[in-house]
Protein backbone atom coordinates (compact mmCIF):
# COMPACT_ATOMS: atom_id res chain seq x y z
CA MET A 1 -73.42 43.92 104.33
CA PHE A 2 -76.51 42.44 102.68
CA GLU A 3 -78.58 44.26 100.08
CA VAL A 4 -81.73 42.94 98.45
CA GLN A 5 -84.12 45.10 96.46
CA ASP A 6 -83.75 48.48 98.19
CA VAL A 7 -83.21 47.05 101.68
CA ARG A 8 -79.69 47.03 103.08
CA ILE A 9 -78.52 45.71 106.43
CA ASP A 10 -75.14 45.84 108.11
CA PRO A 11 -74.88 42.94 110.59
CA GLU A 12 -71.73 44.36 112.15
CA SER A 13 -73.31 47.69 113.14
CA ARG A 14 -76.83 46.18 113.33
CA ARG A 15 -78.22 48.96 111.16
CA ALA A 16 -80.82 48.74 108.39
CA TRP A 17 -81.92 51.00 105.54
CA ARG A 18 -84.77 51.12 103.06
CA GLY A 19 -83.46 53.16 100.19
CA ALA A 20 -81.65 56.14 101.73
CA ASP A 21 -83.71 56.05 104.93
CA GLU A 22 -82.41 54.30 108.02
CA VAL A 23 -84.95 51.95 109.60
CA VAL A 24 -84.77 51.51 113.36
CA LEU A 25 -85.34 47.85 114.25
CA SER A 26 -85.43 46.16 117.63
CA ARG A 27 -82.92 43.38 118.26
CA LYS A 28 -85.36 40.60 117.33
CA GLU A 29 -86.71 42.51 114.34
CA PHE A 30 -83.16 42.95 113.04
CA ASP A 31 -82.39 39.27 113.65
CA LEU A 32 -85.56 38.30 111.75
CA VAL A 33 -84.69 40.51 108.78
CA GLN A 34 -81.11 39.25 108.79
CA ALA A 35 -82.24 35.60 108.84
CA LEU A 36 -84.52 36.23 105.86
CA ILE A 37 -82.31 38.53 103.80
CA ALA A 38 -79.28 36.25 104.22
CA ARG A 39 -81.30 33.58 102.40
CA ALA A 40 -83.15 35.90 100.03
CA GLY A 41 -85.09 34.00 97.41
CA ASP A 42 -85.29 30.87 99.57
CA ILE A 43 -88.18 29.81 101.78
CA VAL A 44 -87.21 29.92 105.44
CA SER A 45 -89.45 27.77 107.63
CA ARG A 46 -90.95 29.04 110.85
CA GLU A 47 -89.06 26.29 112.67
CA GLU A 48 -85.77 27.63 111.29
CA LEU A 49 -86.71 31.16 112.33
CA MET A 50 -87.61 30.04 115.86
CA ARG A 51 -84.26 28.26 116.09
CA ASP A 52 -82.11 30.99 114.51
CA VAL A 53 -83.83 34.13 115.83
CA TRP A 54 -85.38 33.04 119.12
CA HIS A 55 -82.82 30.27 119.81
CA THR A 56 -85.43 27.72 120.71
CA THR A 57 -87.00 24.68 119.13
CA PHE A 58 -89.97 24.74 121.50
CA TRP A 59 -92.98 26.75 120.44
CA THR A 60 -96.68 26.27 120.45
CA SER A 61 -97.75 29.16 118.24
CA SER A 62 -96.38 31.14 115.33
CA LYS A 63 -97.88 34.32 116.78
CA THR A 64 -94.44 35.45 117.96
CA ILE A 65 -93.16 35.38 114.39
CA ASP A 66 -96.35 36.93 113.03
CA VAL A 67 -96.23 39.84 115.48
CA HIS A 68 -92.57 40.60 114.79
CA LEU A 69 -93.12 40.18 111.06
CA GLY A 70 -95.97 42.70 111.23
CA TRP A 71 -93.72 45.23 112.95
CA VAL A 72 -90.92 44.63 110.42
CA ARG A 73 -93.26 45.00 107.44
CA ARG A 74 -94.67 48.23 108.88
CA LYS A 75 -91.20 49.67 109.51
CA LEU A 76 -89.98 48.71 106.04
CA GLY A 77 -93.15 50.05 104.42
CA ASP A 78 -94.16 46.63 103.09
CA ASP A 79 -97.94 46.19 102.73
CA SER A 80 -98.97 43.00 104.54
CA ARG A 81 -101.93 42.52 102.15
CA ARG A 82 -99.72 42.82 99.05
CA PRO A 83 -96.15 42.30 100.26
CA ARG A 84 -93.30 43.14 97.92
CA LEU A 85 -90.41 42.34 100.27
CA ILE A 86 -91.33 39.50 102.61
CA THR A 87 -93.93 37.03 101.42
CA THR A 88 -95.63 34.25 103.34
CA ILE A 89 -95.57 30.91 101.57
CA ARG A 90 -98.55 29.12 103.07
CA GLY A 91 -97.59 25.92 104.86
CA LYS A 92 -93.88 26.45 104.11
CA GLY A 93 -92.54 29.65 105.69
CA LEU A 94 -91.36 33.09 104.66
CA ARG A 95 -89.28 34.38 101.78
CA PHE A 96 -87.45 37.68 101.30
CA GLU A 97 -88.10 38.38 97.63
CA THR A 98 -85.07 39.14 95.48
CA GLU A 99 -87.22 41.17 93.10
CA PRO A 100 -90.59 42.85 93.60
CA PRO A 101 -93.54 40.85 92.22
CA ALA A 102 -94.68 41.90 88.74
């Protein structure tokens, strides 16, 4: 079980919650959240996400990640313009924040 801020995931049952509410995630969405939350506070590169979530090192565009990230943010109630959970670190990757920004 991983818990960061008010997001909790159970890798064994592949279930996720935001606060008391269960969040239904697709397989890839869950894998993306798990990859980020397991390394909460660290920057995870897009290359690492493609390898760990999509099991490939070949990619020509980050649109796949961006689309899935958009769905995840929407389902978790994270505003993409002012994210509090998953932030984009320009030129580096993504980070699941351990605490909401001040």
